[in-house]
Full PDB file with SEQRES, HELIX, SHEET, SSBOND, CRYST1, ORIGX, SCALE, CONECT and MASTER records, all heavy atoms in Angstrom:
SEQRES   1 A   44  ARG ILE GLY VAL GLU SER ARG SER ASP LEU GLY ASP PRO          
SEQRES   2 A   44  GLU TRP TYR ASP VAL VAL VAL GLU ILE MET GLY ARG HIS          
SEQRES   3 A   44  SER ASN ILE ILE LEU VAL ALA HIS GLU ASP ASP GLU ILE          
SEQRES   4 A   44  ARG GLY GLU GLU GLY                                          
HELIX    1 AA1 GLY A   24  HIS A   26  5                                   3    
HELIX    2 AA2 ASP A   37  ILE A   39  5                                   3    
SHEET    1 AA1 3 ILE A   2  ARG A   7  0                                        
SHEET    2 AA1 3 PRO A  13  GLU A  21 -1                                        
SHEET    3 AA1 3 ASN A  28  ALA A  33 -1                                        
CRYST1    1.000    1.000    1.000  90.00  90.00  90.00 P 1           1          
ORIGX1      1.000000  0.000000  0.000000        0.00000                         
ORIGX2      0.000000  1.000000  0.000000        0.00000                         
ORIGX3      0.000000  0.000000  1.000000        0.00000                         
SCALE1      1.000000  0.000000  0.000000        0.00000                         
SCALE2      0.000000  1.000000  0.000000        0.00000                         
SCALE3      0.000000  0.000000  1.000000        0.00000                         
ATOM      1  N   ARG A   1       6.548  -3.218  -3.214  1.00  0.00           N  
ATOM      2  CA  ARG A   1       5.503  -2.297  -2.743  1.00  0.00           C  
ATOM      3  C   ARG A   1       5.142  -1.345  -3.875  1.00  0.00           C  
ATOM      4  O   ARG A   1       6.019  -0.675  -4.432  1.00  0.00           O  
ATOM      5  CB  ARG A   1       6.013  -1.484  -1.553  1.00  0.00           C  
ATOM      6  CG  ARG A   1       6.286  -2.285  -0.301  1.00  0.00           C  
ATOM      7  CD  ARG A   1       6.996  -1.417   0.734  1.00  0.00           C  
ATOM      8  NE  ARG A   1       6.264  -0.177   0.999  1.00  0.00           N  
ATOM      9  CZ  ARG A   1       6.790   0.904   1.569  1.00  0.00           C  
ATOM     10  NH1 ARG A   1       8.067   0.896   1.917  1.00  0.00           N  
ATOM     11  NH2 ARG A   1       6.066   1.973   1.777  1.00  0.00           N  
ATOM     12  N   ILE A   2       3.868  -1.306  -4.221  1.00  0.00           N  
ATOM     13  CA  ILE A   2       3.368  -0.349  -5.212  1.00  0.00           C  
ATOM     14  C   ILE A   2       2.525   0.665  -4.448  1.00  0.00           C  
ATOM     15  O   ILE A   2       1.427   0.363  -3.973  1.00  0.00           O  
ATOM     16  CB  ILE A   2       2.529  -1.047  -6.289  1.00  0.00           C  
ATOM     17  CG1 ILE A   2       3.346  -2.151  -6.966  1.00  0.00           C  
ATOM     18  CG2 ILE A   2       2.021  -0.031  -7.321  1.00  0.00           C  
ATOM     19  CD1 ILE A   2       2.545  -2.997  -7.948  1.00  0.00           C  
ATOM     20  N   GLY A   3       3.068   1.884  -4.293  1.00  0.00           N  
ATOM     21  CA  GLY A   3       2.373   2.913  -3.524  1.00  0.00           C  
ATOM     22  C   GLY A   3       1.376   3.660  -4.386  1.00  0.00           C  
ATOM     23  O   GLY A   3       1.705   4.129  -5.476  1.00  0.00           O  
ATOM     24  N   VAL A   4       0.144   3.794  -3.893  1.00  0.00           N  
ATOM     25  CA  VAL A   4      -0.925   4.444  -4.653  1.00  0.00           C  
ATOM     26  C   VAL A   4      -1.541   5.556  -3.809  1.00  0.00           C  
ATOM     27  O   VAL A   4      -1.947   5.334  -2.659  1.00  0.00           O  
ATOM     28  CB  VAL A   4      -2.029   3.430  -5.038  1.00  0.00           C  
ATOM     29  CG1 VAL A   4      -3.143   4.129  -5.812  1.00  0.00           C  
ATOM     30  CG2 VAL A   4      -1.436   2.294  -5.865  1.00  0.00           C  
ATOM     31  N   GLU A   5      -1.589   6.762  -4.366  1.00  0.00           N  
ATOM     32  CA  GLU A   5      -2.293   7.876  -3.745  1.00  0.00           C  
ATOM     33  C   GLU A   5      -3.690   7.936  -4.343  1.00  0.00           C  
ATOM     34  O   GLU A   5      -3.849   8.072  -5.559  1.00  0.00           O  
ATOM     35  CB  GLU A   5      -1.559   9.195  -3.985  1.00  0.00           C  
ATOM     36  CG  GLU A   5      -2.260  10.377  -3.345  1.00  0.00           C  
ATOM     37  CD  GLU A   5      -1.589  11.697  -3.669  1.00  0.00           C  
ATOM     38  OE1 GLU A   5      -0.676  11.714  -4.530  1.00  0.00           O  
ATOM     39  OE2 GLU A   5      -1.990  12.726  -3.076  1.00  0.00           O  
ATOM     40  N   SER A   6      -4.704   7.817  -3.494  1.00  0.00           N  
ATOM     41  CA  SER A   6      -6.077   7.747  -3.981  1.00  0.00           C  
ATOM     42  C   SER A   6      -6.943   8.750  -3.222  1.00  0.00           C  
ATOM     43  O   SER A   6      -6.439   9.576  -2.448  1.00  0.00           O  
ATOM     44  CB  SER A   6      -6.604   6.313  -3.803  1.00  0.00           C  
ATOM     45  OG  SER A   6      -7.881   6.174  -4.382  1.00  0.00           O  
ATOM     46  N   ARG A   7      -8.238   8.680  -3.448  1.00  0.00           N  
ATOM     47  CA  ARG A   7      -9.191   9.554  -2.769  1.00  0.00           C  
ATOM     48  C   ARG A   7     -10.332   8.722  -2.211  1.00  0.00           C  
ATOM     49  O   ARG A   7     -10.784   7.763  -2.841  1.00  0.00           O  
ATOM     50  CB  ARG A   7      -9.766  10.589  -3.751  1.00  0.00           C  
ATOM     51  CG  ARG A   7      -8.745  11.587  -4.269  1.00  0.00           C  
ATOM     52  CD  ARG A   7      -8.507  12.703  -3.266  1.00  0.00           C  
ATOM     53  NE  ARG A   7      -7.445  13.605  -3.726  1.00  0.00           N  
ATOM     54  CZ  ARG A   7      -7.040  14.664  -3.016  1.00  0.00           C  
ATOM     55  NH1 ARG A   7      -7.608  14.938  -1.850  1.00  0.00           N  
ATOM     56  NH2 ARG A   7      -6.078  15.427  -3.476  1.00  0.00           N  
ATOM     57  N   SER A   8     -10.801   9.104  -1.031  1.00  0.00           N  
ATOM     58  CA  SER A   8     -11.948   8.420  -0.441  1.00  0.00           C  
ATOM     59  C   SER A   8     -13.222   8.884  -1.132  1.00  0.00           C  
ATOM     60  O   SER A   8     -13.204   9.791  -1.982  1.00  0.00           O  
ATOM     61  CB  SER A   8     -12.029   8.728   1.057  1.00  0.00           C  
ATOM     62  OG  SER A   8     -12.394  10.095   1.257  1.00  0.00           O  
ATOM     63  N   ASP A   9     -14.330   8.296  -0.754  1.00  0.00           N  
ATOM     64  CA  ASP A   9     -15.616   8.700  -1.327  1.00  0.00           C  
ATOM     65  C   ASP A   9     -15.933  10.154  -1.016  1.00  0.00           C  
ATOM     66  O   ASP A   9     -16.689  10.804  -1.743  1.00  0.00           O  
ATOM     67  CB  ASP A   9     -16.745   7.797  -0.791  1.00  0.00           C  
ATOM     68  CG  ASP A   9     -16.591   6.360  -1.254  1.00  0.00           C  
ATOM     69  OD1 ASP A   9     -15.945   6.153  -2.300  1.00  0.00           O  
ATOM     70  OD2 ASP A   9     -17.117   5.444  -0.592  1.00  0.00           O  
ATOM     71  N   LEU A  10     -15.351  10.679   0.069  1.00  0.00           N  
ATOM     72  CA  LEU A  10     -15.575  12.073   0.444  1.00  0.00           C  
ATOM     73  C   LEU A  10     -14.529  13.008  -0.145  1.00  0.00           C  
ATOM     74  O   LEU A  10     -14.537  14.209   0.134  1.00  0.00           O  
ATOM     75  CB  LEU A  10     -15.579  12.198   1.974  1.00  0.00           C  
ATOM     76  CG  LEU A  10     -16.671  11.390   2.704  1.00  0.00           C  
ATOM     77  CD1 LEU A  10     -16.517  11.549   4.219  1.00  0.00           C  
ATOM     78  CD2 LEU A  10     -18.056  11.854   2.252  1.00  0.00           C  
ATOM     79  N   GLY A  11     -13.591  12.456  -0.913  1.00  0.00           N  
ATOM     80  CA  GLY A  11     -12.568  13.272  -1.544  1.00  0.00           C  
ATOM     81  C   GLY A  11     -11.316  13.456  -0.733  1.00  0.00           C  
ATOM     82  O   GLY A  11     -10.407  14.200  -1.133  1.00  0.00           O  
ATOM     83  N   ASP A  12     -11.222  12.803   0.424  1.00  0.00           N  
ATOM     84  CA  ASP A  12     -10.026  12.926   1.253  1.00  0.00           C  
ATOM     85  C   ASP A  12      -8.903  12.054   0.684  1.00  0.00           C  
ATOM     86  O   ASP A  12      -9.156  10.963   0.173  1.00  0.00           O  
ATOM     87  CB  ASP A  12     -10.330  12.481   2.688  1.00  0.00           C  
ATOM     88  CG  ASP A  12     -11.384  13.362   3.343  1.00  0.00           C  
ATOM     89  OD1 ASP A  12     -11.402  14.570   3.041  1.00  0.00           O  
ATOM     90  OD2 ASP A  12     -12.205  12.835   4.134  1.00  0.00           O  
ATOM     91  N   PRO A  13      -7.649  12.506   0.810  1.00  0.00           N  
ATOM     92  CA  PRO A  13      -6.528  11.705   0.281  1.00  0.00           C  
ATOM     93  C   PRO A  13      -6.328  10.422   1.096  1.00  0.00           C  
ATOM     94  O   PRO A  13      -6.445  10.426   2.330  1.00  0.00           O  
ATOM     95  CB  PRO A  13      -5.326  12.645   0.406  1.00  0.00           C  
ATOM     96  CG  PRO A  13      -5.715  13.619   1.466  1.00  0.00           C  
ATOM     97  CD  PRO A  13      -7.197  13.793   1.372  1.00  0.00           C  
ATOM     98  N   GLU A  14      -6.024   9.352   0.403  1.00  0.00           N  
ATOM     99  CA  GLU A  14      -5.739   8.063   1.032  1.00  0.00           C  
ATOM    100  C   GLU A  14      -4.515   7.459   0.355  1.00  0.00           C  
ATOM    101  O   GLU A  14      -4.317   7.643  -0.852  1.00  0.00           O  
ATOM    102  CB  GLU A  14      -6.918   7.094   0.910  1.00  0.00           C  
ATOM    103  CG  GLU A  14      -8.156   7.519   1.671  1.00  0.00           C  
ATOM    104  CD  GLU A  14      -9.306   6.527   1.511  1.00  0.00           C  
ATOM    105  OE1 GLU A  14      -9.355   5.848   0.462  1.00  0.00           O  
ATOM    106  OE2 GLU A  14     -10.148   6.436   2.421  1.00  0.00           O  
ATOM    107  N   TRP A  15      -3.696   6.746   1.139  1.00  0.00           N  
ATOM    108  CA  TRP A  15      -2.501   6.105   0.594  1.00  0.00           C  
ATOM    109  C   TRP A  15      -2.555   4.607   0.857  1.00  0.00           C  
ATOM    110  O   TRP A  15      -2.922   4.170   1.942  1.00  0.00           O  
ATOM    111  CB  TRP A  15      -1.236   6.684   1.248  1.00  0.00           C  
ATOM    112  CG  TRP A  15      -0.880   8.040   0.702  1.00  0.00           C  
ATOM    113  CD1 TRP A  15      -1.480   9.224   0.992  1.00  0.00           C  
ATOM    114  CD2 TRP A  15       0.160   8.330  -0.220  1.00  0.00           C  
ATOM    115  NE1 TRP A  15      -0.882  10.244   0.299  1.00  0.00           N  
ATOM    116  CE2 TRP A  15       0.142   9.720  -0.456  1.00  0.00           C  
ATOM    117  CE3 TRP A  15       1.123   7.557  -0.865  1.00  0.00           C  
ATOM    118  CZ2 TRP A  15       1.038  10.355  -1.299  1.00  0.00           C  
ATOM    119  CZ3 TRP A  15       2.019   8.190  -1.715  1.00  0.00           C  
ATOM    120  CH2 TRP A  15       1.975   9.564  -1.930  1.00  0.00           C  
ATOM    121  N   TYR A  16      -2.187   3.862  -0.164  1.00  0.00           N  
ATOM    122  CA  TYR A  16      -2.186   2.403  -0.042  1.00  0.00           C  
ATOM    123  C   TYR A  16      -0.885   1.841  -0.607  1.00  0.00           C  
ATOM    124  O   TYR A  16      -0.259   2.429  -1.490  1.00  0.00           O  
ATOM    125  CB  TYR A  16      -3.351   1.790  -0.830  1.00  0.00           C  
ATOM    126  CG  TYR A  16      -4.714   2.215  -0.338  1.00  0.00           C  
ATOM    127  CD1 TYR A  16      -5.392   3.267  -0.949  1.00  0.00           C  
ATOM    128  CD2 TYR A  16      -5.329   1.561   0.725  1.00  0.00           C  
ATOM    129  CE1 TYR A  16      -6.638   3.665  -0.508  1.00  0.00           C  
ATOM    130  CE2 TYR A  16      -6.588   1.946   1.169  1.00  0.00           C  
ATOM    131  CZ  TYR A  16      -7.235   3.006   0.552  1.00  0.00           C  
ATOM    132  OH  TYR A  16      -8.469   3.387   0.993  1.00  0.00           O  
ATOM    133  N   ASP A  17      -0.526   0.685  -0.091  1.00  0.00           N  
ATOM    134  CA  ASP A  17       0.515  -0.137  -0.699  1.00  0.00           C  
ATOM    135  C   ASP A  17      -0.141  -1.392  -1.247  1.00  0.00           C  
ATOM    136  O   ASP A  17      -0.885  -2.078  -0.519  1.00  0.00           O  
ATOM    137  CB  ASP A  17       1.575  -0.559   0.331  1.00  0.00           C  
ATOM    138  CG  ASP A  17       2.752   0.393   0.377  1.00  0.00           C  
ATOM    139  OD1 ASP A  17       2.916   1.162  -0.580  1.00  0.00           O  
ATOM    140  OD2 ASP A  17       3.496   0.374   1.370  1.00  0.00           O  
ATOM    141  N   VAL A  18       0.117  -1.701  -2.516  1.00  0.00           N  
ATOM    142  CA  VAL A  18      -0.191  -3.026  -3.032  1.00  0.00           C  
ATOM    143  C   VAL A  18       1.093  -3.832  -2.825  1.00  0.00           C  
ATOM    144  O   VAL A  18       2.096  -3.594  -3.500  1.00  0.00           O  
ATOM    145  CB  VAL A  18      -0.584  -2.992  -4.518  1.00  0.00           C  
ATOM    146  CG1 VAL A  18      -0.862  -4.410  -5.026  1.00  0.00           C  
ATOM    147  CG2 VAL A  18      -1.803  -2.104  -4.728  1.00  0.00           C  
ATOM    148  N   VAL A  19       1.069  -4.730  -1.858  1.00  0.00           N  
ATOM    149  CA  VAL A  19       2.262  -5.491  -1.505  1.00  0.00           C  
ATOM    150  C   VAL A  19       2.242  -6.821  -2.246  1.00  0.00           C  
ATOM    151  O   VAL A  19       1.300  -7.608  -2.093  1.00  0.00           O  
ATOM    152  CB  VAL A  19       2.345  -5.736   0.011  1.00  0.00           C  
ATOM    153  CG1 VAL A  19       3.645  -6.464   0.353  1.00  0.00           C  
ATOM    154  CG2 VAL A  19       2.267  -4.410   0.765  1.00  0.00           C  
ATOM    155  N   VAL A  20       3.256  -7.051  -3.043  1.00  0.00           N  
ATOM    156  CA  VAL A  20       3.369  -8.284  -3.827  1.00  0.00           C  
ATOM    157  C   VAL A  20       4.438  -9.150  -3.176  1.00  0.00           C  
ATOM    158  O   VAL A  20       5.604  -8.749  -3.080  1.00  0.00           O  
ATOM    159  CB  VAL A  20       3.755  -7.983  -5.288  1.00  0.00           C  
ATOM    160  CG1 VAL A  20       3.799  -9.272  -6.111  1.00  0.00           C  
ATOM    161  CG2 VAL A  20       2.771  -6.985  -5.895  1.00  0.00           C  
ATOM    162  N   GLU A  21       4.047 -10.324  -2.712  1.00  0.00           N  
ATOM    163  CA  GLU A  21       4.974 -11.244  -2.062  1.00  0.00           C  
ATOM    164  C   GLU A  21       5.104 -12.496  -2.929  1.00  0.00           C  
ATOM    165  O   GLU A  21       4.153 -13.267  -3.067  1.00  0.00           O  
ATOM    166  CB  GLU A  21       4.464 -11.616  -0.659  1.00  0.00           C  
ATOM    167  CG  GLU A  21       4.329 -10.406   0.251  1.00  0.00           C  
ATOM    168  CD  GLU A  21       3.740 -10.757   1.607  1.00  0.00           C  
ATOM    169  OE1 GLU A  21       3.221 -11.891   1.770  1.00  0.00           O  
ATOM    170  OE2 GLU A  21       3.788  -9.894   2.500  1.00  0.00           O  
ATOM    171  N   ILE A  22       6.256 -12.668  -3.526  1.00  0.00           N  
ATOM    172  CA  ILE A  22       6.510 -13.806  -4.419  1.00  0.00           C  
ATOM    173  C   ILE A  22       7.296 -14.841  -3.627  1.00  0.00           C  
ATOM    174  O   ILE A  22       8.513 -14.791  -3.538  1.00  0.00           O  
ATOM    175  CB  ILE A  22       7.273 -13.346  -5.682  1.00  0.00           C  
ATOM    176  CG1 ILE A  22       6.464 -12.267  -6.408  1.00  0.00           C  
ATOM    177  CG2 ILE A  22       7.561 -14.522  -6.608  1.00  0.00           C  
ATOM    178  CD1 ILE A  22       7.173 -11.647  -7.590  1.00  0.00           C  
ATOM    179  N   MET A  23       6.558 -15.776  -3.027  1.00  0.00           N  
ATOM    180  CA  MET A  23       7.186 -16.719  -2.099  1.00  0.00           C  
ATOM    181  C   MET A  23       6.598 -18.122  -2.261  1.00  0.00           C  
ATOM    182  O   MET A  23       6.133 -18.733  -1.297  1.00  0.00           O  
ATOM    183  CB  MET A  23       6.986 -16.245  -0.660  1.00  0.00           C  
ATOM    184  CG  MET A  23       7.541 -14.858  -0.383  1.00  0.00           C  
ATOM    185  SD  MET A  23       7.375 -14.343   1.352  1.00  0.00           S  
ATOM    186  CE  MET A  23       5.610 -14.423   1.554  1.00  0.00           C  
ATOM    187  N   GLY A  24       6.589 -18.627  -3.492  1.00  0.00           N  
ATOM    188  CA  GLY A  24       6.103 -19.981  -3.715  1.00  0.00           C  
ATOM    189  C   GLY A  24       4.663 -20.151  -3.280  1.00  0.00           C  
ATOM    190  O   GLY A  24       3.796 -19.339  -3.595  1.00  0.00           O  
ATOM    191  N   ARG A  25       4.379 -21.192  -2.493  1.00  0.00           N  
ATOM    192  CA  ARG A  25       3.004 -21.462  -2.091  1.00  0.00           C  
ATOM    193  C   ARG A  25       2.492 -20.440  -1.085  1.00  0.00           C  
ATOM    194  O   ARG A  25       1.293 -20.411  -0.780  1.00  0.00           O  
ATOM    195  CB  ARG A  25       2.874 -22.871  -1.515  1.00  0.00           C  
ATOM    196  CG  ARG A  25       3.656 -23.142  -0.258  1.00  0.00           C  
ATOM    197  CD  ARG A  25       3.632 -24.618   0.095  1.00  0.00           C  
ATOM    198  NE  ARG A  25       4.355 -24.925   1.306  1.00  0.00           N  
ATOM    199  CZ  ARG A  25       3.813 -24.945   2.514  1.00  0.00           C  
ATOM    200  NH1 ARG A  25       2.518 -24.679   2.668  1.00  0.00           N  
ATOM    201  NH2 ARG A  25       4.529 -25.245   3.579  1.00  0.00           N  
ATOM    202  N   HIS A  26       3.386 -19.595  -0.532  1.00  0.00           N  
ATOM    203  CA  HIS A  26       2.977 -18.540   0.387  1.00  0.00           C  
ATOM    204  C   HIS A  26       2.825 -17.197  -0.333  1.00  0.00           C  
ATOM    205  O   HIS A  26       2.675 -16.159   0.331  1.00  0.00           O  
ATOM    206  CB  HIS A  26       3.984 -18.405   1.526  1.00  0.00           C  
ATOM    207  CG  HIS A  26       4.154 -19.650   2.348  1.00  0.00           C  
ATOM    208  ND1 HIS A  26       3.137 -20.186   3.104  1.00  0.00           N  
ATOM    209  CD2 HIS A  26       5.211 -20.489   2.488  1.00  0.00           C  
ATOM    210  CE1 HIS A  26       3.558 -21.283   3.700  1.00  0.00           C  
ATOM    211  NE2 HIS A  26       4.815 -21.496   3.334  1.00  0.00           N  
ATOM    212  N   SER A  27       2.852 -17.179  -1.655  1.00  0.00           N  
ATOM    213  CA  SER A  27       2.746 -15.935  -2.417  1.00  0.00           C  
ATOM    214  C   SER A  27       1.398 -15.266  -2.144  1.00  0.00           C  
ATOM    215  O   SER A  27       0.393 -15.929  -1.888  1.00  0.00           O  
ATOM    216  CB  SER A  27       2.902 -16.211  -3.910  1.00  0.00           C  
ATOM    217  OG  SER A  27       4.179 -16.746  -4.189  1.00  0.00           O  
ATOM    218  N   ASN A  28       1.402 -13.932  -2.235  1.00  0.00           N  
ATOM    219  CA  ASN A  28       0.167 -13.206  -1.935  1.00  0.00           C  
ATOM    220  C   ASN A  28       0.206 -11.822  -2.564  1.00  0.00           C  
ATOM    221  O   ASN A  28       1.278 -11.326  -2.953  1.00  0.00           O  
ATOM    222  CB  ASN A  28      -0.013 -13.066  -0.416  1.00  0.00           C  
ATOM    223  CG  ASN A  28      -1.473 -13.059   0.001  1.00  0.00           C  
ATOM    224  OD1 ASN A  28      -2.358 -12.758  -0.793  1.00  0.00           O  
ATOM    225  ND2 ASN A  28      -1.728 -13.403   1.263  1.00  0.00           N  
ATOM    226  N   ILE A  29      -0.973 -11.229  -2.691  1.00  0.00           N  
ATOM    227  CA  ILE A  29      -1.122  -9.829  -3.104  1.00  0.00           C  
ATOM    228  C   ILE A  29      -1.974  -9.184  -2.017  1.00  0.00           C  
ATOM    229  O   ILE A  29      -3.132  -9.577  -1.816  1.00  0.00           O  
ATOM    230  CB  ILE A  29      -1.799  -9.693  -4.471  1.00  0.00           C  
ATOM    231  CG1 ILE A  29      -1.038 -10.499  -5.531  1.00  0.00           C  
ATOM    232  CG2 ILE A  29      -1.897  -8.223  -4.881  1.00  0.00           C  
ATOM    233  CD1 ILE A  29      -1.788 -10.620  -6.851  1.00  0.00           C  
ATOM    234  N   ILE A  30      -1.418  -8.209  -1.311  1.00  0.00           N  
ATOM    235  CA  ILE A  30      -2.069  -7.662  -0.121  1.00  0.00           C  
ATOM    236  C   ILE A  30      -2.248  -6.160  -0.291  1.00  0.00           C  
ATOM    237  O   ILE A  30      -1.298  -5.448  -0.640  1.00  0.00           O  
ATOM    238  CB  ILE A  30      -1.228  -7.953   1.143  1.00  0.00           C  
ATOM    239  CG1 ILE A  30      -0.926  -9.461   1.235  1.00  0.00           C  
ATOM    240  CG2 ILE A  30      -1.953  -7.474   2.397  1.00  0.00           C  
ATOM    241  CD1 ILE A  30       0.092  -9.807   2.313  1.00  0.00           C  
ATOM    242  N   LEU A  31      -3.452  -5.684  -0.038  1.00  0.00           N  
ATOM    243  CA  LEU A  31      -3.731  -4.249  -0.074  1.00  0.00           C  
ATOM    244  C   LEU A  31      -3.616  -3.718   1.353  1.00  0.00           C  
ATOM    245  O   LEU A  31      -4.356  -4.137   2.244  1.00  0.00           O  
ATOM    246  CB  LEU A  31      -5.128  -3.994  -0.642  1.00  0.00           C  
ATOM    247  CG  LEU A  31      -5.543  -2.522  -0.775  1.00  0.00           C  
ATOM    248  CD1 LEU A  31      -4.581  -1.768  -1.689  1.00  0.00           C  
ATOM    249  CD2 LEU A  31      -6.973  -2.420  -1.296  1.00  0.00           C  
ATOM    250  N   VAL A  32      -2.653  -2.801   1.563  1.00  0.00           N  
ATOM    251  CA  VAL A  32      -2.357  -2.272   2.901  1.00  0.00           C  
ATOM    252  C   VAL A  32      -2.640  -0.778   2.912  1.00  0.00           C  
ATOM    253  O   VAL A  32      -2.180  -0.044   2.028  1.00  0.00           O  
ATOM    254  CB  VAL A  32      -0.888  -2.543   3.283  1.00  0.00           C  
ATOM    255  CG1 VAL A  32      -0.566  -1.951   4.652  1.00  0.00           C  
ATOM    256  CG2 VAL A  32      -0.608  -4.039   3.278  1.00  0.00           C  
ATOM    257  N   ALA A  33      -3.383  -0.325   3.916  1.00  0.00           N  
ATOM    258  CA  ALA A  33      -3.656   1.099   4.071  1.00  0.00           C  
ATOM    259  C   ALA A  33      -2.594   1.727   4.956  1.00  0.00           C  
ATOM    260  O   ALA A  33      -2.275   1.200   6.031  1.00  0.00           O  
ATOM    261  CB  ALA A  33      -5.041   1.307   4.688  1.00  0.00           C  
ATOM    262  N   HIS A  34      -2.025   2.893   4.519  1.00  0.00           N  
ATOM    263  CA  HIS A  34      -1.004   3.574   5.307  1.00  0.00           C  
ATOM    264  C   HIS A  34      -1.625   4.173   6.566  1.00  0.00           C  
ATOM    265  O   HIS A  34      -2.742   4.679   6.541  1.00  0.00           O  
ATOM    266  CB  HIS A  34      -0.385   4.714   4.500  1.00  0.00           C  
ATOM    267  CG  HIS A  34       0.584   4.253   3.470  1.00  0.00           C  
ATOM    268  ND1 HIS A  34       1.931   4.282   3.662  1.00  0.00           N  
ATOM    269  CD2 HIS A  34       0.395   3.739   2.231  1.00  0.00           C  
ATOM    270  CE1 HIS A  34       2.538   3.827   2.571  1.00  0.00           C  
ATOM    271  NE2 HIS A  34       1.620   3.487   1.692  1.00  0.00           N  
ATOM    272  N   GLU A  35      -0.861   4.138   7.634  1.00  0.00           N  
ATOM    273  CA  GLU A  35      -1.276   4.809   8.870  1.00  0.00           C  
ATOM    274  C   GLU A  35      -0.317   5.927   9.248  1.00  0.00           C  
ATOM    275  O   GLU A  35      -0.588   6.709  10.138  1.00  0.00           O  
ATOM    276  CB  GLU A  35      -1.344   3.793  10.018  1.00  0.00           C  
ATOM    277  CG  GLU A  35      -2.427   2.739   9.795  1.00  0.00           C  
ATOM    278  CD  GLU A  35      -2.522   1.772  10.953  1.00  0.00           C  
ATOM    279  OE1 GLU A  35      -1.474   1.502  11.582  1.00  0.00           O  
ATOM    280  OE2 GLU A  35      -3.622   1.285  11.221  1.00  0.00           O  
ATOM    281  N   ASP A  36       0.804   5.990   8.557  1.00  0.00           N  
ATOM    282  CA  ASP A  36       1.833   6.969   8.896  1.00  0.00           C  
ATOM    283  C   ASP A  36       2.349   7.589   7.604  1.00  0.00           C  
ATOM    284  O   ASP A  36       2.900   6.895   6.751  1.00  0.00           O  
ATOM    285  CB  ASP A  36       2.977   6.284   9.654  1.00  0.00           C  
ATOM    286  CG  ASP A  36       4.030   7.273  10.132  1.00  0.00           C  
ATOM    287  OD1 ASP A  36       3.997   8.444   9.694  1.00  0.00           O  
ATOM    288  OD2 ASP A  36       4.889   6.877  10.931  1.00  0.00           O  
ATOM    289  N   ASP A  37       2.178   8.911   7.460  1.00  0.00           N  
ATOM    290  CA  ASP A  37       2.609   9.581   6.228  1.00  0.00           C  
ATOM    291  C   ASP A  37       4.105   9.443   5.985  1.00  0.00           C  
ATOM    292  O   ASP A  37       4.573   9.498   4.854  1.00  0.00           O  
ATOM    293  CB  ASP A  37       2.266  11.072   6.288  1.00  0.00           C  
ATOM    294  CG  ASP A  37       0.760  11.302   6.223  1.00  0.00           C  
ATOM    295  OD1 ASP A  37       0.034  10.316   5.966  1.00  0.00           O  
ATOM    296  OD2 ASP A  37       0.327  12.444   6.427  1.00  0.00           O  
ATOM    297  N   GLU A  38       4.886   9.247   7.055  1.00  0.00           N  
ATOM    298  CA  GLU A  38       6.341   9.237   6.909  1.00  0.00           C  
ATOM    299  C   GLU A  38       6.864   8.016   6.168  1.00  0.00           C  
ATOM    300  O   GLU A  38       8.004   8.016   5.714  1.00  0.00           O  
ATOM    301  CB  GLU A  38       6.984   9.306   8.297  1.00  0.00           C  
ATOM    302  CG  GLU A  38       6.708  10.610   9.021  1.00  0.00           C  
ATOM    303  CD  GLU A  38       7.373  10.638  10.382  1.00  0.00           C  
ATOM    304  OE1 GLU A  38       8.052   9.650  10.711  1.00  0.00           O  
ATOM    305  OE2 GLU A  38       7.231  11.652  11.083  1.00  0.00           O  
ATOM    306  N   ILE A  39       6.051   6.968   6.053  1.00  0.00           N  
ATOM    307  CA  ILE A  39       6.560   5.748   5.416  1.00  0.00           C  
ATOM    308  C   ILE A  39       6.320   5.744   3.910  1.00  0.00           C  
ATOM    309  O   ILE A  39       6.701   4.817   3.229  1.00  0.00           O  
ATOM    310  CB  ILE A  39       5.924   4.485   6.029  1.00  0.00           C  
ATOM    311  CG1 ILE A  39       4.426   4.413   5.686  1.00  0.00           C  
ATOM    312  CG2 ILE A  39       6.123   4.446   7.518  1.00  0.00           C  
ATOM    313  CD1 ILE A  39       3.802   3.100   6.083  1.00  0.00           C  
ATOM    314  N   ARG A  40       5.684   6.772   3.378  1.00  0.00           N  
ATOM    315  CA  ARG A  40       5.395   6.788   1.952  1.00  0.00           C  
ATOM    316  C   ARG A  40       6.686   6.817   1.152  1.00  0.00           C  
ATOM    317  O   ARG A  40       7.507   7.715   1.281  1.00  0.00           O  
ATOM    318  CB  ARG A  40       4.551   8.010   1.591  1.00  0.00           C  
ATOM    319  CG  ARG A  40       3.180   7.989   2.276  1.00  0.00           C  
ATOM    320  CD  ARG A  40       2.435   9.283   2.055  1.00  0.00           C  
ATOM    321  NE  ARG A  40       1.195   9.285   2.831  1.00  0.00           N  
ATOM    322  CZ  ARG A  40       0.418  10.350   2.972  1.00  0.00           C  
ATOM    323  NH1 ARG A  40       0.758  11.496   2.408  1.00  0.00           N  
ATOM    324  NH2 ARG A  40      -0.692  10.263   3.677  1.00  0.00           N  
ATOM    325  N   GLY A  41       6.866   5.829   0.301  1.00  0.00           N  
ATOM    326  CA  GLY A  41       8.038   5.746  -0.545  1.00  0.00           C  
ATOM    327  C   GLY A  41       9.274   5.267   0.161  1.00  0.00           C  
ATOM    328  O   GLY A  41      10.325   5.085  -0.442  1.00  0.00           O  
ATOM    329  N   GLU A  42       9.171   5.056   1.468  1.00  0.00           N  
ATOM    330  CA  GLU A  42      10.329   4.619   2.240  1.00  0.00           C  
ATOM    331  C   GLU A  42      10.764   3.221   1.801  1.00  0.00           C  
ATOM    332  O   GLU A  42       9.957   2.372   1.496  1.00  0.00           O  
ATOM    333  CB  GLU A  42       9.932   4.607   3.728  1.00  0.00           C  
ATOM    334  CG  GLU A  42      11.005   4.117   4.666  1.00  0.00           C  
ATOM    335  CD  GLU A  42      10.458   4.048   6.089  1.00  0.00           C  
ATOM    336  OE1 GLU A  42      10.223   5.117   6.678  1.00  0.00           O  
ATOM    337  OE2 GLU A  42      10.260   2.940   6.584  1.00  0.00           O  
ATOM    338  N   GLU A  43      12.088   3.002   1.808  1.00  0.00           N  
ATOM    339  CA  GLU A  43      12.589   1.665   1.500  1.00  0.00           C  
ATOM    340  C   GLU A  43      12.219   0.716   2.641  1.00  0.00           C  
ATOM    341  O   GLU A  43      12.023   1.140   3.774  1.00  0.00           O  
ATOM    342  CB  GLU A  43      14.111   1.707   1.329  1.00  0.00           C  
ATOM    343  CG  GLU A  43      14.585   2.628   0.223  1.00  0.00           C  
ATOM    344  CD  GLU A  43      14.178   2.171  -1.163  1.00  0.00           C  
ATOM    345  OE1 GLU A  43      13.900   0.970  -1.339  1.00  0.00           O  
ATOM    346  OE2 GLU A  43      14.136   3.016  -2.073  1.00  0.00           O  
ATOM    347  N   GLY A  44      12.135  -0.570   2.315  1.00  0.00           N  
ATOM    348  CA  GLY A  44      11.826  -1.549   3.343  1.00  0.00           C  
ATOM    349  C   GLY A  44      10.384  -1.999   3.265  1.00  0.00           C  
ATOM    350  O   GLY A  44       9.637  -1.605   2.368  1.00  0.00           O  
TER     351      GLY A  44                                                      
MASTER        0    0    0    2    3    0    0    6  350    1    0    4          
END                                                                             
């Protein structure tokens, strides 16, 4: 998980995870928007 603190077009703070899944033919790069401030930086 690569956590990124960004800003919306209106200047409001936004948090995203760039989730990197290295799983052979199921590998993926997924951009996930946070919905809960408490999970920022959390393990898991």
